[in-house]
C-alpha atoms as a PDB file:
ATOM      1  CA  MET A   1     -19.860   8.432 -24.233  1.00  0.00           C
ATOM      2  CA  ALA A   2     -21.209   4.739 -24.254  1.00  0.00           C
ATOM      3  CA  LYS A   3     -21.927   2.438 -21.087  1.00  0.00           C
ATOM      4  CA  PRO A   4     -19.866  -0.360 -21.181  1.00  0.00           C
ATOM      5  CA  THR A   5     -21.396  -3.923 -20.412  1.00  0.00           C
ATOM      6  CA  LEU A   6     -20.477  -5.640 -17.286  1.00  0.00           C
ATOM      7  CA  LYS A   7     -20.640  -9.260 -16.245  1.00  0.00           C
ATOM      8  CA  ALA A   8     -20.190 -10.779 -12.551  1.00  0.00           C
ATOM      9  CA  VAL A   9     -19.479 -13.550 -10.608  1.00  0.00           C
ATOM     10  CA  LEU A  10     -21.013 -14.510  -7.437  1.00  0.00           C
ATOM     11  CA  LEU A  11     -18.166 -15.323  -4.673  1.00  0.00           C
ATOM     12  CA  SER A  12     -20.259 -16.369  -1.682  1.00  0.00           C
ATOM     13  CA  PRO A  13     -22.859 -19.114  -1.113  1.00  0.00           C
ATOM     14  CA  GLN A  14     -25.381 -19.848  -3.840  1.00  0.00           C
ATOM     15  CA  ARG A  15     -28.407 -19.012  -1.866  1.00  0.00           C
ATOM     16  CA  PRO A  16     -31.334 -16.435  -2.419  1.00  0.00           C
ATOM     17  CA  LEU A  17     -30.315 -12.755  -2.768  1.00  0.00           C
ATOM     18  CA  GLY A  18     -31.891 -10.690  -0.159  1.00  0.00           C
ATOM     19  CA  ASP A  19     -31.014 -12.494   3.296  1.00  0.00           C
ATOM     20  CA  HIS A  20     -27.816 -11.097   3.431  1.00  0.00           C
ATOM     21  CA  PRO A  21     -26.528  -7.778   3.072  1.00  0.00           C
ATOM     22  CA  LEU A  22     -25.384  -7.188  -0.703  1.00  0.00           C
ATOM     23  CA  LEU A  23     -21.361  -6.536  -1.489  1.00  0.00           C
ATOM     24  CA  VAL A  24     -20.653  -5.154  -4.610  1.00  0.00           C
ATOM     25  CA  ALA A  25     -16.869  -5.881  -5.546  1.00  0.00           C
ATOM     26  CA  GLY A  26     -14.686  -3.895  -8.343  1.00  0.00           C
ATOM     27  CA  PRO A  27     -11.421  -4.635  -9.700  1.00  0.00           C
ATOM     28  CA  SER A  28      -8.150  -2.967 -10.442  1.00  0.00           C
ATOM     29  CA  LEU A  29      -7.128  -2.558 -13.882  1.00  0.00           C
ATOM     30  CA  GLY A  30      -5.631  -5.941 -15.390  1.00  0.00           C
ATOM     31  CA  THR A  31      -7.056  -8.302 -12.848  1.00  0.00           C
ATOM     32  CA  SER A  32     -10.709  -9.916 -12.133  1.00  0.00           C
ATOM     33  CA  SER A  33     -12.848 -11.260  -9.593  1.00  0.00           C
ATOM     34  CA  ILE A  34      -9.792 -13.465  -8.664  1.00  0.00           C
ATOM     35  CA  LEU A  35      -8.679 -10.360  -6.703  1.00  0.00           C
ATOM     36  CA  TRP A  36     -11.507 -11.077  -4.433  1.00  0.00           C
ATOM     37  CA  THR A  37     -11.655 -14.355  -3.826  1.00  0.00           C
ATOM     38  CA  GLN A  38     -10.099 -14.671  -0.498  1.00  0.00           C
ATOM     39  CA  THR A  39     -11.875 -11.866   1.141  1.00  0.00           C
ATOM     40  CA  ALA A  40     -15.253 -13.055   0.078  1.00  0.00           C
ATOM     41  CA  ALA A  41     -14.456 -16.632   1.474  1.00  0.00           C
ATOM     42  CA  LEU A  42     -14.087 -15.054   4.789  1.00  0.00           C
ATOM     43  CA  LEU A  43     -17.306 -12.638   4.687  1.00  0.00           C
ATOM     44  CA  GLY A  44     -19.611 -14.998   2.812  1.00  0.00           C
ATOM     45  CA  LYS A  45     -21.351 -16.621   5.836  1.00  0.00           C
ATOM     46  CA  ASP A  46     -22.629 -13.183   6.482  1.00  0.00           C
ATOM     47  CA  VAL A  47     -22.335 -11.146   3.027  1.00  0.00           C
ATOM     48  CA  ASP A  48     -23.690 -11.799  -0.345  1.00  0.00           C
ATOM     49  CA  VAL A  49     -20.832 -10.781  -2.426  1.00  0.00           C
ATOM     50  CA  VAL A  50     -20.831 -10.101  -6.194  1.00  0.00           C
ATOM     51  CA  ALA A  51     -17.800  -9.058  -8.202  1.00  0.00           C
ATOM     52  CA  TRP A  52     -17.787  -7.262 -11.152  1.00  0.00           C
ATOM     53  CA  ASP A  53     -15.079  -7.407 -14.159  1.00  0.00           C
ATOM     54  CA  LEU A  54     -14.270  -4.638 -16.337  1.00  0.00           C
ATOM     55  CA  PRO A  55     -14.786  -4.810 -19.884  1.00  0.00           C
ATOM     56  CA  GLY A  56     -12.501  -7.243 -21.637  1.00  0.00           C
ATOM     57  CA  HIS A  57     -11.451  -8.563 -18.056  1.00  0.00           C
ATOM     58  CA  GLY A  58     -12.647 -11.650 -16.876  1.00  0.00           C
ATOM     59  CA  VAL A  59     -16.416 -12.672 -17.635  1.00  0.00           C
ATOM     60  CA  SER A  60     -16.990  -9.436 -19.245  1.00  0.00           C
ATOM     61  CA  PRO A  61     -17.583  -8.549 -22.844  1.00  0.00           C
ATOM     62  CA  ALA A  62     -14.834  -6.082 -24.495  1.00  0.00           C
ATOM     63  CA  ALA A  63     -15.429  -2.982 -25.288  1.00  0.00           C
ATOM     64  CA  THR A  64     -16.161  -1.634 -28.641  1.00  0.00           C
ATOM     65  CA  GLU A  65     -15.825   2.224 -27.782  1.00  0.00           C
ATOM     66  CA  THR A  66     -14.458   4.471 -25.279  1.00  0.00           C
ATOM     67  CA  PHE A  67     -16.435   5.017 -22.065  1.00  0.00           C
ATOM     68  CA  ASP A  68     -15.607   7.024 -19.128  1.00  0.00           C
ATOM     69  CA  VAL A  69     -15.265   6.239 -15.065  1.00  0.00           C
ATOM     70  CA  ALA A  70     -18.603   7.716 -14.809  1.00  0.00           C
ATOM     71  CA  GLY A  71     -19.841   5.310 -17.511  1.00  0.00           C
ATOM     72  CA  LEU A  72     -18.390   2.275 -15.550  1.00  0.00           C
ATOM     73  CA  ALA A  73     -20.359   3.755 -12.414  1.00  0.00           C
ATOM     74  CA  ASP A  74     -24.047   3.458 -14.286  1.00  0.00           C
ATOM     75  CA  ALA A  75     -22.947   0.264 -15.440  1.00  0.00           C
ATOM     76  CA  VAL A  76     -22.286  -1.408 -12.050  1.00  0.00           C
ATOM     77  CA  VAL A  77     -25.915  -0.038 -11.477  1.00  0.00           C
ATOM     78  CA  ASP A  78     -27.302  -1.546 -14.504  1.00  0.00           C
ATOM     79  CA  LEU A  79     -25.438  -4.893 -13.277  1.00  0.00           C
ATOM     80  CA  VAL A  80     -27.110  -4.273  -9.658  1.00  0.00           C
ATOM     81  CA  ASP A  81     -30.815  -3.769 -10.967  1.00  0.00           C
ATOM     82  CA  SER A  82     -30.384  -6.834 -13.207  1.00  0.00           C
ATOM     83  CA  ILE A  83     -29.950  -9.481 -10.111  1.00  0.00           C
ATOM     84  CA  ALA A  84     -31.302  -7.121  -7.345  1.00  0.00           C
ATOM     85  CA  PRO A  85     -33.961  -4.340  -9.048  1.00  0.00           C
ATOM     86  CA  GLY A  86     -33.623  -1.123  -6.965  1.00  0.00           C
ATOM     87  CA  GLU A  87     -31.748  -2.558  -4.433  1.00  0.00           C
ATOM     88  CA  ALA A  88     -29.228  -0.546  -2.104  1.00  0.00           C
ATOM     89  CA  PHE A  89     -25.688  -1.896  -1.621  1.00  0.00           C
ATOM     90  CA  HIS A  90     -22.362  -2.117  -0.182  1.00  0.00           C
ATOM     91  CA  TYR A  91     -19.652  -1.197  -2.529  1.00  0.00           C
ATOM     92  CA  ALA A  92     -15.825  -2.167  -2.064  1.00  0.00           C
ATOM     93  CA  GLY A  93     -13.354  -1.277  -5.250  1.00  0.00           C
ATOM     94  CA  VAL A  94      -9.645  -1.292  -5.727  1.00  0.00           C
ATOM     95  CA  SER A  95      -7.760   1.113  -8.155  1.00  0.00           C
ATOM     96  CA  LEU A  96      -9.777   1.708 -11.061  1.00  0.00           C
ATOM     97  CA  GLY A  97     -12.547  -0.332  -9.198  1.00  0.00           C
ATOM     98  CA  GLY A  98     -12.441   2.264  -6.395  1.00  0.00           C
ATOM     99  CA  ALA A  99     -12.586   4.986  -8.729  1.00  0.00           C
ATOM    100  CA  THR A 100     -15.895   3.636  -9.788  1.00  0.00           C
ATOM    101  CA  GLY A 101     -16.690   3.378  -6.406  1.00  0.00           C
ATOM    102  CA  LEU A 102     -16.207   7.108  -6.008  1.00  0.00           C
ATOM    103  CA  GLN A 103     -18.275   7.828  -8.900  1.00  0.00           C
ATOM    104  CA  LEU A 104     -21.023   6.027  -7.634  1.00  0.00           C
ATOM    105  CA  GLY A 105     -21.039   7.896  -4.094  1.00  0.00           C
ATOM    106  CA  ILE A 106     -21.591  11.365  -6.474  1.00  0.00           C
ATOM    107  CA  LYS A 107     -23.660  10.250  -8.799  1.00  0.00           C
ATOM    108  CA  HIS A 108     -25.859   7.030  -7.022  1.00  0.00           C
ATOM    109  CA  GLY A 109     -25.146   7.849  -3.638  1.00  0.00           C
ATOM    110  CA  GLU A 110     -29.079   6.719  -2.887  1.00  0.00           C
ATOM    111  CA  ARG A 111     -28.415   3.113  -3.819  1.00  0.00           C
ATOM    112  CA  LEU A 112     -25.148   3.092  -1.778  1.00  0.00           C
ATOM    113  CA  LYS A 113     -25.309   1.971   2.110  1.00  0.00           C
ATOM    114  CA  SER A 114     -21.528   2.024   2.479  1.00  0.00           C
ATOM    115  CA  LEU A 115     -18.389   2.588   0.439  1.00  0.00           C
ATOM    116  CA  SER A 116     -14.861   1.277   0.780  1.00  0.00           C
ATOM    117  CA  VAL A 117     -12.225   2.858  -1.704  1.00  0.00           C
ATOM    118  CA  GLN A 118      -8.934   0.679  -1.846  1.00  0.00           C
ATOM    119  CA  CYS A 119      -5.662   1.519  -3.380  1.00  0.00           C
ATOM    120  CA  SER A 120      -7.155   4.123  -5.398  1.00  0.00           C
ATOM    121  CA  GLY A 121      -8.032   8.222  -5.321  1.00  0.00           C
ATOM    122  CA  ALA A 122      -9.753  10.746  -6.260  1.00  0.00           C
ATOM    123  CA  LYS A 123      -7.053  10.935  -9.306  1.00  0.00           C
ATOM    124  CA  LEU A 124      -4.695   8.233 -10.710  1.00  0.00           C
ATOM    125  CA  GLY A 125      -1.473   9.267 -12.216  1.00  0.00           C
ATOM    126  CA  THR A 126      -1.267  11.992 -15.142  1.00  0.00           C
ATOM    127  CA  PRO A 127      -3.363  11.692 -18.565  1.00  0.00           C
ATOM    128  CA  GLU A 128      -0.288  11.612 -20.301  1.00  0.00           C
ATOM    129  CA  GLY A 129       1.115   8.587 -18.928  1.00  0.00           C
ATOM    130  CA  TRP A 130      -2.527   6.979 -18.953  1.00  0.00           C
ATOM    131  CA  LEU A 131      -2.601   7.333 -22.857  1.00  0.00           C
ATOM    132  CA  GLU A 132       1.119   6.102 -23.879  1.00  0.00           C
ATOM    133  CA  ARG A 133       0.247   3.268 -21.529  1.00  0.00           C
ATOM    134  CA  ALA A 134      -2.999   2.980 -23.711  1.00  0.00           C
ATOM    135  CA  GLU A 135      -0.997   3.389 -27.186  1.00  0.00           C
ATOM    136  CA  THR A 136       1.732   0.902 -25.974  1.00  0.00           C
ATOM    137  CA  VAL A 137      -1.295  -2.174 -24.887  1.00  0.00           C
ATOM    138  CA  ARG A 138      -2.858  -1.434 -28.055  1.00  0.00           C
ATOM    139  CA  GLY A 139       0.172  -1.900 -30.136  1.00  0.00           C
ATOM    140  CA  GLN A 140       1.837  -4.650 -28.035  1.00  0.00           C
ATOM    141  CA  GLY A 141      -0.930  -6.229 -26.159  1.00  0.00           C
ATOM    142  CA  THR A 142      -1.373  -6.759 -22.156  1.00  0.00           C
ATOM    143  CA  PRO A 143       1.521  -9.282 -21.798  1.00  0.00           C
ATOM    144  CA  VAL A 144       3.996  -6.165 -22.012  1.00  0.00           C
ATOM    145  CA  MET A 145       2.460  -4.957 -19.054  1.00  0.00           C
ATOM    146  CA  ILE A 146       3.149  -8.114 -16.773  1.00  0.00           C
ATOM    147  CA  GLN A 147       6.878  -7.347 -15.242  1.00  0.00           C
ATOM    148  CA  GLY A 148       5.731  -3.690 -14.304  1.00  0.00           C
ATOM    149  CA  SER A 149       2.442  -4.608 -12.927  1.00  0.00           C
ATOM    150  CA  ALA A 150       4.012  -7.236 -10.673  1.00  0.00           C
ATOM    151  CA  GLN A 151       6.232  -4.865  -9.375  1.00  0.00           C
ATOM    152  CA  ARG A 152       3.551  -2.412  -8.599  1.00  0.00           C
ATOM    153  CA  TRP A 153       0.827  -4.865  -7.295  1.00  0.00           C
ATOM    154  CA  PHE A 154       2.711  -7.025  -4.846  1.00  0.00           C
ATOM    155  CA  ALA A 155       4.522  -5.655  -1.810  1.00  0.00           C
ATOM    156  CA  PRO A 156       8.177  -7.679  -1.458  1.00  0.00           C
ATOM    157  CA  GLY A 157       7.761 -11.538  -1.066  1.00  0.00           C
ATOM    158  CA  PHE A 158       4.276 -11.893  -1.513  1.00  0.00           C
ATOM    159  CA  MET A 159       4.638 -13.598  -4.823  1.00  0.00           C
ATOM    160  CA  ASP A 160       7.121 -15.987  -2.952  1.00  0.00           C
ATOM    161  CA  ARG A 161       4.571 -16.342  -0.237  1.00  0.00           C
ATOM    162  CA  GLU A 162       1.611 -17.057  -2.660  1.00  0.00           C
ATOM    163  CA  PRO A 163       2.930 -18.148  -6.232  1.00  0.00           C
ATOM    164  CA  GLU A 164      -0.278 -19.483  -6.764  1.00  0.00           C
ATOM    165  CA  LEU A 165      -2.349 -16.192  -6.581  1.00  0.00           C
ATOM    166  CA  SER A 166       0.126 -13.987  -7.764  1.00  0.00           C
ATOM    167  CA  SER A 167       0.021 -16.019 -11.288  1.00  0.00           C
ATOM    168  CA  ARG A 168      -3.465 -16.522 -11.133  1.00  0.00           C
ATOM    169  CA  LEU A 169      -4.027 -12.295 -11.359  1.00  0.00           C
ATOM    170  CA  LEU A 170      -1.019 -11.923 -13.632  1.00  0.00           C
ATOM    171  CA  HIS A 171      -2.517 -14.400 -16.085  1.00  0.00           C
ATOM    172  CA  ALA A 172      -5.697 -12.440 -15.862  1.00  0.00           C
ATOM    173  CA  LEU A 173      -3.590  -9.682 -17.206  1.00  0.00           C
ATOM    174  CA  ARG A 174      -2.328 -11.610 -19.912  1.00  0.00           C
ATOM    175  CA  ASP A 175      -5.829 -12.788 -21.154  1.00  0.00           C
ATOM    176  CA  THR A 176      -7.441  -9.436 -20.430  1.00  0.00           C
ATOM    177  CA  ASP A 177      -8.273  -7.890 -24.078  1.00  0.00           C
ATOM    178  CA  ARG A 178      -5.816  -4.890 -25.327  1.00  0.00           C
ATOM    179  CA  PHE A 179      -8.290  -2.770 -26.506  1.00  0.00           C
ATOM    180  CA  SER A 180     -10.737  -2.690 -23.526  1.00  0.00           C
ATOM    181  CA  TYR A 181      -7.130  -2.619 -21.234  1.00  0.00           C
ATOM    182  CA  ALA A 182      -6.525   0.738 -23.525  1.00  0.00           C
ATOM    183  CA  PHE A 183     -10.039   2.270 -22.865  1.00  0.00           C
ATOM    184  CA  CYS A 184      -9.697   1.593 -19.290  1.00  0.00           C
ATOM    185  CA  CYS A 185      -6.214   3.817 -19.357  1.00  0.00           C
ATOM    186  CA  GLU A 186      -8.287   5.993 -21.539  1.00  0.00           C
ATOM    187  CA  ALA A 187     -10.956   6.380 -18.935  1.00  0.00           C
ATOM    188  CA  LEU A 188      -8.253   6.952 -16.217  1.00  0.00           C
ATOM    189  CA  ALA A 189      -6.554   9.880 -18.333  1.00  0.00           C
ATOM    190  CA  GLY A 190      -9.696  11.312 -18.031  1.00  0.00           C
ATOM    191  CA  TYR A 191     -10.807  10.878 -14.147  1.00  0.00           C
ATOM    192  CA  ASP A 192     -10.683  13.409 -11.524  1.00  0.00           C
ATOM    193  CA  VAL A 193     -13.302  13.805  -9.163  1.00  0.00           C
ATOM    194  CA  ARG A 194     -11.383  15.831  -5.996  1.00  0.00           C
ATOM    195  CA  ALA A 195     -13.617  18.912  -6.571  1.00  0.00           C
ATOM    196  CA  HIS A 196     -16.725  16.768  -5.859  1.00  0.00           C
ATOM    197  CA  LEU A 197     -16.069  14.352  -2.810  1.00  0.00           C
ATOM    198  CA  GLY A 198     -17.637  16.859  -0.611  1.00  0.00           C
ATOM    199  CA  SER A 199     -20.549  15.446  -2.390  1.00  0.00           C
ATOM    200  CA  ILE A 200     -20.622  11.880  -1.177  1.00  0.00           C
ATOM    201  CA  SER A 201     -22.627  11.237   1.943  1.00  0.00           C
ATOM    202  CA  VAL A 202     -22.847   7.361   2.263  1.00  0.00           C
ATOM    203  CA  PRO A 203     -20.462   5.874   4.776  1.00  0.00           C
ATOM    204  CA  THR A 204     -17.271   5.497   3.523  1.00  0.00           C
ATOM    205  CA  GLN A 205     -13.703   4.047   4.313  1.00  0.00           C
ATOM    206  CA  ALA A 206     -10.421   4.491   2.421  1.00  0.00           C
ATOM    207  CA  VAL A 207      -8.259   1.819   2.338  1.00  0.00           C
ATOM    208  CA  ALA A 208      -4.424   2.151   1.506  1.00  0.00           C
ATOM    209  CA  GLY A 209      -1.109   0.356   1.005  1.00  0.00           C
ATOM    210  CA  ALA A 210       1.505   1.295   2.980  1.00  0.00           C
ATOM    211  CA  GLU A 211       4.330   0.093   0.208  1.00  0.00           C
ATOM    212  CA  ASP A 212       1.629   1.016  -2.797  1.00  0.00           C
ATOM    213  CA  THR A 213       3.424   3.470  -4.974  1.00  0.00           C
ATOM    214  CA  VAL A 214       0.255   3.843  -7.455  1.00  0.00           C
ATOM    215  CA  ALA A 215      -2.109   5.147  -4.792  1.00  0.00           C
ATOM    216  CA  PRO A 216       0.295   6.232  -1.476  1.00  0.00           C
ATOM    217  CA  PRO A 217      -1.793   6.489   1.783  1.00  0.00           C
ATOM    218  CA  SER A 218      -1.979  10.190   0.926  1.00  0.00           C
ATOM    219  CA  PHE A 219      -4.299   9.514  -1.769  1.00  0.00           C
ATOM    220  CA  ALA A 220      -6.623   7.699   0.954  1.00  0.00           C
ATOM    221  CA  GLU A 221      -6.206  10.480   3.295  1.00  0.00           C
ATOM    222  CA  GLU A 222      -7.348  12.954   0.804  1.00  0.00           C
ATOM    223  CA  VAL A 223     -10.397  10.911  -0.158  1.00  0.00           C
ATOM    224  CA  ALA A 224     -11.341  10.923   3.697  1.00  0.00           C
ATOM    225  CA  ALA A 225     -10.621  14.734   3.925  1.00  0.00           C
ATOM    226  CA  GLY A 226     -12.605  15.693   0.926  1.00  0.00           C
ATOM    227  CA  ILE A 227     -15.647  13.742   2.316  1.00  0.00           C
ATOM    228  CA  THR A 228     -15.688  14.838   5.836  1.00  0.00           C
ATOM    229  CA  ALA A 229     -14.896  18.758   4.515  1.00  0.00           C
ATOM    230  CA  GLY A 230     -18.726  18.336   2.798  1.00  0.00           C
ATOM    231  CA  GLY A 231     -20.177  16.914   6.023  1.00  0.00           C
ATOM    232  CA  GLY A 232     -19.826  13.443   5.138  1.00  0.00           C
ATOM    233  CA  THR A 233     -18.763  10.112   7.427  1.00  0.00           C
ATOM    234  CA  ALA A 234     -15.129   8.765   6.008  1.00  0.00           C
ATOM    235  CA  SER A 235     -12.170   7.647   7.871  1.00  0.00           C
ATOM    236  CA  ALA A 236      -8.572   6.349   6.372  1.00  0.00           C
ATOM    237  CA  VAL A 237      -6.421   3.487   6.935  1.00  0.00           C
ATOM    238  CA  THR A 238      -3.336   2.275   5.883  1.00  0.00           C
ATOM    239  CA  LEU A 239      -2.437  -1.517   5.935  1.00  0.00           C
ATOM    240  CA  GLY A 240       1.282  -2.695   6.584  1.00  0.00           C
ATOM    241  CA  GLY A 241       2.594  -4.699   4.481  1.00  0.00           C
ATOM    242  CA  VAL A 242       0.232  -4.159   1.570  1.00  0.00           C
ATOM    243  CA  ALA A 243       1.236  -2.651  -2.340  1.00  0.00           C
ATOM    244  CA  HIS A 244      -1.642  -2.134  -4.606  1.00  0.00           C
ATOM    245  CA  LEU A 245      -3.670  -5.050  -4.465  1.00  0.00           C
ATOM    246  CA  ALA A 246      -4.922  -5.072  -0.761  1.00  0.00           C
ATOM    247  CA  PRO A 247      -8.005  -7.613  -1.266  1.00  0.00           C
ATOM    248  CA  ALA A 248      -5.737 -10.272  -2.266  1.00  0.00           C
ATOM    249  CA  GLU A 249      -2.478  -9.247  -0.089  1.00  0.00           C
ATOM    250  CA  ALA A 250      -4.382  -8.645   2.787  1.00  0.00           C
ATOM    251  CA  PRO A 251      -7.899 -10.731   2.857  1.00  0.00           C
ATOM    252  CA  GLY A 252      -8.285 -11.157   6.640  1.00  0.00           C
ATOM    253  CA  HIS A 253      -7.897  -7.573   7.342  1.00  0.00           C
ATOM    254  CA  VAL A 254      -9.948  -5.884   4.446  1.00  0.00           C
ATOM    255  CA  ALA A 255     -12.655  -8.542   5.616  1.00  0.00           C
ATOM    256  CA  GLU A 256     -12.526  -7.148   8.980  1.00  0.00           C
ATOM    257  CA  LEU A 257     -12.502  -3.887   7.783  1.00  0.00           C
ATOM    258  CA  LEU A 258     -15.840  -4.659   5.364  1.00  0.00           C
ATOM    259  CA  ARG A 259     -17.295  -6.467   8.153  1.00  0.00           C
ATOM    260  CA  ASN A 260     -17.204  -3.569  10.784  1.00  0.00           C
ATOM    261  CA  LEU A 261     -18.361  -1.523   7.849  1.00  0.00           C
ATOM    262  CA  ILE A 262     -21.007  -2.950   7.048  1.00  0.00           C
ATOM    263  CA  THR A 263     -22.356  -3.920  10.097  1.00  0.00           C
ATOM    264  CA  TRP A 264     -22.273  -0.488  11.298  1.00  0.00           C
ATOM    265  CA  SER A 265     -24.171   0.908   7.981  1.00  0.00           C
ATOM    266  CA  GLU A 266     -26.708  -1.434   8.577  1.00  0.00           C
ATOM    267  CA  SER A 267     -27.692  -0.806  11.941  1.00  0.00           C
ATOM    268  CA  ARG A 268     -27.312   2.710  11.356  1.00  0.00           C
ATOM    269  CA  GLY A 269     -29.767   2.187   8.866  1.00  0.00           C
ATOM    270  CA  ALA A 270     -32.175   0.216  10.695  1.00  0.00           C
ATOM    271  CA  ALA A 271     -32.261   2.730  13.505  1.00  0.00           C
ATOM    272  CA  LYS A 272     -33.549   5.145  10.581  1.00  0.00           C
END
């Protein structure tokens, strides 16, 4: 399978990399780095935040052939090596971005300092459902997904409270390349790392939204349990009033969780 090309956006202040911990942030299907803007602003004084976009989303070029979630993890490592060669980094990702994080932990654990898997799981949906969605979007384009995504992405009342942010996220979906979106769906159809969670040794937090129907809290608990069963360190936390896009819906809570995880992981590394 091909390894896609990914591009990223720096969401923290412009400054030399290396003086602060590096956090690489991954998006959910149909969104872009916009998802992380508010959380990154809260972390920016202490952490360098680089947010990558899925193929055909945001600033990343469209995909021309099929790839899998492990390929996305490989592409994230290539991206980091292009800006900080060989450096270890903290990682946080939402939904498909979170699935990519689990693959990073399984395949590239030596590069990670910590892992935050948000609104995601070791398996998401059904292969049949993803393949059906891929076919629909290839034929009708991403705008066909806007209504359903708005219902899945946001907890009740969020769009009324945050009309500008929710509109920007839905516009990102509308502007996504239909074929790249379909390739992402096909990658999710083949994604299932439940049997491999025990190989993840990096400190991990699994974050769920209490209102998330795509990746409910039980998914986060399954991730944490699978990692700890293999001897790793992991915890699960559920955020009230949050559906599927935790960094946009609860940036303060997510920033606090990440700051605590990054600080603990950095101090743990310094003590070795």
